[in-house]
Amino acid sequence: FDISLHGFPVGMVKSCRKYWTPEIADSIVQLKGIRFENPQFSLRTSFTREDFTRIITEKFQIPFETVDRFFATARSMNFFDDQGKTTREFFEEFFPGRTDVQRLLMEPITYANGSTLDDPAITYGIVFSNFMSKGVFTFQGGTDALVQKMREELERNGVDLRIRSLVEKIEVTP
């Protein structure tokens, strides 16, 4: 749950509501504008499929049909698919030689989970599609507020929290 380095997909709202508290879930907000600044391009996006499609077709001049097929293919990936294809090969299939488009598509996922172009395409496709469904979200209030809310919920549930403690045994009782 790293909120200081990157955002997360909308599914985190449901997860926090289910596993934490409504208060934590209600503090998750969508980032409306993401800015990319690098040597290859400078742009702003809402980080949704629609906006990425617009940017890739208008700014990078890739045909809509190609972009649409790329998104459909990424969205349809699942862990039962062939895991031999790398993300680099997946990008080359749709955007051959277009390192600018590949950077736009890869850079945020690299920040999010450390993926590289040589990782299996399936991991990229699933993570990227999750972000593209509704955009990028973050916890409003900062890490300290989130940790405090989590601590309060854990204590309400009888969890004994300690730091810098020697642990010799962990007992889990129903």
C-alpha atoms as a PDB file:
ATOM      1  CA  PHE A   1       0.000   0.000   0.000  1.00  0.00           C
ATOM      2  CA  ASP A   2       2.660   2.485  -1.110  1.00  0.00           C
ATOM      3  CA  ILE A   3       0.970   5.851  -1.426  1.00  0.00           C
ATOM      4  CA  SER A   4       4.101   7.965  -1.371  1.00  0.00           C
ATOM      5  CA  LEU A   5       5.611   6.794  -4.653  1.00  0.00           C
ATOM      6  CA  HIS A   6       2.651   6.050  -6.884  1.00  0.00           C
ATOM      7  CA  GLY A   7      -1.104   5.767  -7.087  1.00  0.00           C
ATOM      8  CA  PHE A   8      -3.259   2.708  -7.484  1.00  0.00           C
ATOM      9  CA  PRO A   9      -6.307   1.590  -9.476  1.00  0.00           C
ATOM     10  CA  VAL A  10      -9.906   2.179  -8.405  1.00  0.00           C
ATOM     11  CA  GLY A  11     -10.188  -1.352  -7.022  1.00  0.00           C
ATOM     12  CA  MET A  12      -8.311  -0.198  -3.920  1.00  0.00           C
ATOM     13  CA  VAL A  13     -11.437   1.711  -2.817  1.00  0.00           C
ATOM     14  CA  LYS A  14     -13.437  -1.521  -2.644  1.00  0.00           C
ATOM     15  CA  SER A  15     -10.561  -3.376  -0.965  1.00  0.00           C
ATOM     16  CA  CYS A  16     -10.172  -0.705   1.710  1.00  0.00           C
ATOM     17  CA  ARG A  17     -13.911  -0.650   2.350  1.00  0.00           C
ATOM     18  CA  LYS A  18     -13.915  -4.438   2.740  1.00  0.00           C
ATOM     19  CA  TYR A  19     -10.678  -4.988   4.665  1.00  0.00           C
ATOM     20  CA  TRP A  20     -10.155  -1.673   6.455  1.00  0.00           C
ATOM     21  CA  THR A  21     -12.793   1.009   7.082  1.00  0.00           C
ATOM     22  CA  PRO A  22     -15.246   3.171   5.135  1.00  0.00           C
ATOM     23  CA  GLU A  23     -13.311   6.185   6.430  1.00  0.00           C
ATOM     24  CA  ILE A  24     -10.110   4.956   4.766  1.00  0.00           C
ATOM     25  CA  ALA A  25     -11.956   4.075   1.555  1.00  0.00           C
ATOM     26  CA  ASP A  26     -13.641   7.493   1.482  1.00  0.00           C
ATOM     27  CA  SER A  27     -10.228   9.180   1.688  1.00  0.00           C
ATOM     28  CA  ILE A  28      -9.148   7.655  -1.618  1.00  0.00           C
ATOM     29  CA  VAL A  29      -9.482  10.182  -4.429  1.00  0.00           C
ATOM     30  CA  GLN A  30      -8.848  10.181  -8.151  1.00  0.00           C
ATOM     31  CA  LEU A  31      -5.902  12.154  -9.470  1.00  0.00           C
ATOM     32  CA  LYS A  32      -7.430  14.247 -12.251  1.00  0.00           C
ATOM     33  CA  GLY A  33      -4.222  15.308 -13.951  1.00  0.00           C
ATOM     34  CA  ILE A  34      -1.012  13.341 -14.387  1.00  0.00           C
ATOM     35  CA  ARG A  35       1.920  15.152 -15.971  1.00  0.00           C
ATOM     36  CA  PHE A  36       4.641  13.437 -17.988  1.00  0.00           C
ATOM     37  CA  GLU A  37       7.860  15.415 -18.410  1.00  0.00           C
ATOM     38  CA  ASN A  38      10.772  13.655 -20.049  1.00  0.00           C
ATOM     39  CA  PRO A  39      13.154  14.137 -22.995  1.00  0.00           C
ATOM     40  CA  GLN A  40      10.742  12.442 -25.437  1.00  0.00           C
ATOM     41  CA  PHE A  41       7.519  14.317 -24.658  1.00  0.00           C
ATOM     42  CA  SER A  42       5.666  16.622 -22.298  1.00  0.00           C
ATOM     43  CA  LEU A  43       1.958  16.048 -21.697  1.00  0.00           C
ATOM     44  CA  ARG A  44      -0.923  15.910 -19.230  1.00  0.00           C
ATOM     45  CA  THR A  45      -3.469  13.117 -18.969  1.00  0.00           C
ATOM     46  CA  SER A  46      -6.375  11.944 -16.848  1.00  0.00           C
ATOM     47  CA  PHE A  47      -4.777   8.480 -17.137  1.00  0.00           C
ATOM     48  CA  THR A  48      -7.828   6.768 -18.562  1.00  0.00           C
ATOM     49  CA  ARG A  49      -8.138   4.589 -21.633  1.00  0.00           C
ATOM     50  CA  GLU A  50     -10.055   7.305 -23.455  1.00  0.00           C
ATOM     51  CA  ASP A  51      -7.437   9.954 -22.765  1.00  0.00           C
ATOM     52  CA  PHE A  52      -4.498   7.678 -23.578  1.00  0.00           C
ATOM     53  CA  THR A  53      -6.222   6.724 -26.827  1.00  0.00           C
ATOM     54  CA  ARG A  54      -6.634  10.412 -27.684  1.00  0.00           C
ATOM     55  CA  ILE A  55      -2.992  11.180 -26.872  1.00  0.00           C
ATOM     56  CA  ILE A  56      -1.566   8.208 -28.768  1.00  0.00           C
ATOM     57  CA  THR A  57      -3.692   8.888 -31.855  1.00  0.00           C
ATOM     58  CA  GLU A  58      -3.365  12.695 -31.908  1.00  0.00           C
ATOM     59  CA  LYS A  59       0.093  13.404 -30.471  1.00  0.00           C
ATOM     60  CA  PHE A  60       1.892  10.251 -31.587  1.00  0.00           C
ATOM     61  CA  GLN A  61      -0.093   9.752 -34.827  1.00  0.00           C
ATOM     62  CA  ILE A  62      -0.866   6.058 -34.294  1.00  0.00           C
ATOM     63  CA  PRO A  63      -4.040   4.860 -36.080  1.00  0.00           C
ATOM     64  CA  PHE A  64      -7.058   4.494 -33.796  1.00  0.00           C
ATOM     65  CA  GLU A  65      -7.541   0.859 -34.843  1.00  0.00           C
ATOM     66  CA  THR A  66      -4.024  -0.036 -33.663  1.00  0.00           C
ATOM     67  CA  VAL A  67      -4.506   1.693 -30.319  1.00  0.00           C
ATOM     68  CA  ASP A  68      -7.912   0.082 -29.851  1.00  0.00           C
ATOM     69  CA  ARG A  69      -6.482  -3.389 -30.597  1.00  0.00           C
ATOM     70  CA  PHE A  70      -3.627  -2.750 -28.147  1.00  0.00           C
ATOM     71  CA  PHE A  71      -6.022  -1.859 -25.334  1.00  0.00           C
ATOM     72  CA  ALA A  72      -8.357  -4.760 -26.133  1.00  0.00           C
ATOM     73  CA  THR A  73      -5.442  -7.206 -26.149  1.00  0.00           C
ATOM     74  CA  ALA A  74      -4.019  -5.869 -22.876  1.00  0.00           C
ATOM     75  CA  ARG A  75      -7.462  -6.003 -21.259  1.00  0.00           C
ATOM     76  CA  SER A  76      -8.049  -9.599 -22.320  1.00  0.00           C
ATOM     77  CA  MET A  77      -4.788 -10.900 -20.822  1.00  0.00           C
ATOM     78  CA  ASN A  78      -5.010 -13.344 -17.925  1.00  0.00           C
ATOM     79  CA  PHE A  79      -2.640 -15.640 -16.078  1.00  0.00           C
ATOM     80  CA  PHE A  80      -3.688 -18.631 -18.183  1.00  0.00           C
ATOM     81  CA  ASP A  81      -2.215 -16.992 -21.301  1.00  0.00           C
ATOM     82  CA  ASP A  82       1.216 -17.744 -22.762  1.00  0.00           C
ATOM     83  CA  GLN A  83       3.711 -16.123 -20.419  1.00  0.00           C
ATOM     84  CA  GLY A  84       6.619 -16.349 -22.842  1.00  0.00           C
ATOM     85  CA  LYS A  85       6.030 -12.992 -24.540  1.00  0.00           C
ATOM     86  CA  THR A  86       7.820 -10.034 -22.953  1.00  0.00           C
ATOM     87  CA  THR A  87       6.398  -6.557 -22.564  1.00  0.00           C
ATOM     88  CA  ARG A  88       8.965  -5.369 -25.127  1.00  0.00           C
ATOM     89  CA  GLU A  89       7.665  -7.912 -27.670  1.00  0.00           C
ATOM     90  CA  PHE A  90       4.083  -6.937 -26.858  1.00  0.00           C
ATOM     91  CA  PHE A  91       4.845  -3.243 -27.512  1.00  0.00           C
ATOM     92  CA  GLU A  92       6.737  -4.034 -30.723  1.00  0.00           C
ATOM     93  CA  GLU A  93       3.711  -5.953 -31.986  1.00  0.00           C
ATOM     94  CA  PHE A  94       1.580  -2.790 -31.884  1.00  0.00           C
ATOM     95  CA  PHE A  95       4.079   0.096 -31.908  1.00  0.00           C
ATOM     96  CA  PRO A  96       7.233  -1.139 -33.694  1.00  0.00           C
ATOM     97  CA  GLY A  97      10.205   1.140 -33.163  1.00  0.00           C
ATOM     98  CA  ARG A  98       8.100   3.739 -31.337  1.00  0.00           C
ATOM     99  CA  THR A  99      10.085   4.179 -28.147  1.00  0.00           C
ATOM    100  CA  ASP A 100       8.124   7.350 -27.385  1.00  0.00           C
ATOM    101  CA  VAL A 101       4.790   5.489 -27.293  1.00  0.00           C
ATOM    102  CA  GLN A 102       6.393   2.594 -25.454  1.00  0.00           C
ATOM    103  CA  ARG A 103       7.765   5.008 -22.855  1.00  0.00           C
ATOM    104  CA  LEU A 104       4.341   6.592 -22.337  1.00  0.00           C
ATOM    105  CA  LEU A 105       2.812   3.162 -21.803  1.00  0.00           C
ATOM    106  CA  MET A 106       5.610   1.683 -19.688  1.00  0.00           C
ATOM    107  CA  GLU A 107       6.916   4.512 -17.513  1.00  0.00           C
ATOM    108  CA  PRO A 108       4.012   4.714 -15.037  1.00  0.00           C
ATOM    109  CA  ILE A 109       3.885   0.940 -14.594  1.00  0.00           C
ATOM    110  CA  THR A 110       7.627   0.847 -13.953  1.00  0.00           C
ATOM    111  CA  TYR A 111       7.129   3.424 -11.209  1.00  0.00           C
ATOM    112  CA  ALA A 112       4.160   1.487  -9.821  1.00  0.00           C
ATOM    113  CA  ASN A 113       5.676  -1.968  -9.541  1.00  0.00           C
ATOM    114  CA  GLY A 114       9.211  -1.989 -10.933  1.00  0.00           C
ATOM    115  CA  SER A 115       8.305  -3.793 -14.162  1.00  0.00           C
ATOM    116  CA  THR A 116      10.758  -3.793 -17.047  1.00  0.00           C
ATOM    117  CA  LEU A 117      10.394  -4.372 -20.774  1.00  0.00           C
ATOM    118  CA  ASP A 118      11.828  -7.847 -20.280  1.00  0.00           C
ATOM    119  CA  ASP A 119       9.148  -8.970 -17.818  1.00  0.00           C
ATOM    120  CA  PRO A 120       6.227 -11.104 -19.029  1.00  0.00           C
ATOM    121  CA  ALA A 121       3.698  -9.092 -21.023  1.00  0.00           C
ATOM    122  CA  ILE A 122       0.909 -10.630 -18.977  1.00  0.00           C
ATOM    123  CA  THR A 123       1.978  -8.777 -15.819  1.00  0.00           C
ATOM    124  CA  TYR A 124       2.065  -5.489 -17.704  1.00  0.00           C
ATOM    125  CA  GLY A 125      -1.286  -6.079 -19.399  1.00  0.00           C
ATOM    126  CA  ILE A 126      -3.140  -6.832 -16.193  1.00  0.00           C
ATOM    127  CA  VAL A 127      -1.668  -3.957 -14.159  1.00  0.00           C
ATOM    128  CA  PHE A 128      -1.961  -1.416 -16.977  1.00  0.00           C
ATOM    129  CA  SER A 129      -5.570  -2.376 -17.732  1.00  0.00           C
ATOM    130  CA  ASN A 130      -6.504  -1.997 -14.080  1.00  0.00           C
ATOM    131  CA  PHE A 131      -5.198   1.566 -14.103  1.00  0.00           C
ATOM    132  CA  MET A 132      -6.810   2.367 -17.432  1.00  0.00           C
ATOM    133  CA  SER A 133     -10.304   1.381 -16.303  1.00  0.00           C
ATOM    134  CA  LYS A 134     -10.921   4.463 -14.143  1.00  0.00           C
ATOM    135  CA  GLY A 135      -7.597   6.264 -13.794  1.00  0.00           C
ATOM    136  CA  VAL A 136      -5.163   6.670 -10.901  1.00  0.00           C
ATOM    137  CA  PHE A 137      -6.183   7.071  -7.272  1.00  0.00           C
ATOM    138  CA  THR A 138      -4.326   8.042  -4.117  1.00  0.00           C
ATOM    139  CA  PHE A 139      -4.978   8.417  -0.408  1.00  0.00           C
ATOM    140  CA  GLN A 140      -5.839  12.012   0.460  1.00  0.00           C
ATOM    141  CA  GLY A 141      -4.247  13.112   3.705  1.00  0.00           C
ATOM    142  CA  GLY A 142      -0.805  11.594   3.443  1.00  0.00           C
ATOM    143  CA  THR A 143       0.968   8.516   4.665  1.00  0.00           C
ATOM    144  CA  ASP A 144       0.932   9.526   8.331  1.00  0.00           C
ATOM    145  CA  ALA A 145      -2.872   9.895   8.319  1.00  0.00           C
ATOM    146  CA  LEU A 146      -3.326   6.549   6.577  1.00  0.00           C
ATOM    147  CA  VAL A 147      -1.010   4.738   8.975  1.00  0.00           C
ATOM    148  CA  GLN A 148      -2.819   6.313  11.946  1.00  0.00           C
ATOM    149  CA  LYS A 149      -6.247   5.224  10.609  1.00  0.00           C
ATOM    150  CA  MET A 150      -4.922   1.707  10.026  1.00  0.00           C
ATOM    151  CA  ARG A 151      -3.405   1.612  13.495  1.00  0.00           C
ATOM    152  CA  GLU A 152      -6.729   2.673  15.050  1.00  0.00           C
ATOM    153  CA  GLU A 153      -8.595  -0.043  13.154  1.00  0.00           C
ATOM    154  CA  LEU A 154      -6.078  -2.713  14.113  1.00  0.00           C
ATOM    155  CA  GLU A 155      -6.295  -1.712  17.779  1.00  0.00           C
ATOM    156  CA  ARG A 156     -10.136  -1.738  17.619  1.00  0.00           C
ATOM    157  CA  ASN A 157      -9.784  -5.341  16.483  1.00  0.00           C
ATOM    158  CA  GLY A 158      -7.512  -6.325  19.356  1.00  0.00           C
ATOM    159  CA  VAL A 159      -4.191  -6.316  17.527  1.00  0.00           C
ATOM    160  CA  ASP A 160      -1.190  -5.660  19.760  1.00  0.00           C
ATOM    161  CA  LEU A 161       1.126  -3.362  17.800  1.00  0.00           C
ATOM    162  CA  ARG A 162       4.813  -3.075  18.662  1.00  0.00           C
ATOM    163  CA  ILE A 163       7.933  -1.673  17.046  1.00  0.00           C
ATOM    164  CA  ARG A 164      11.554  -2.679  17.639  1.00  0.00           C
ATOM    165  CA  SER A 165      10.444  -5.840  19.425  1.00  0.00           C
ATOM    166  CA  LEU A 166      12.099  -9.225  19.537  1.00  0.00           C
ATOM    167  CA  VAL A 167       9.659 -11.829  18.258  1.00  0.00           C
ATOM    168  CA  GLU A 168      10.228 -15.420  19.236  1.00  0.00           C
ATOM    169  CA  LYS A 169       6.784 -16.767  18.446  1.00  0.00           C
ATOM    170  CA  ILE A 170       3.605 -15.654  16.677  1.00  0.00           C
ATOM    171  CA  GLU A 171       0.394 -17.112  18.002  1.00  0.00           C
ATOM    172  CA  VAL A 172      -2.767 -16.980  15.931  1.00  0.00           C
ATOM    173  CA  THR A 173      -5.945 -17.999  17.715  1.00  0.00           C
ATOM    174  CA  PRO A 174      -9.452 -18.022  16.288  1.00  0.00           C
END
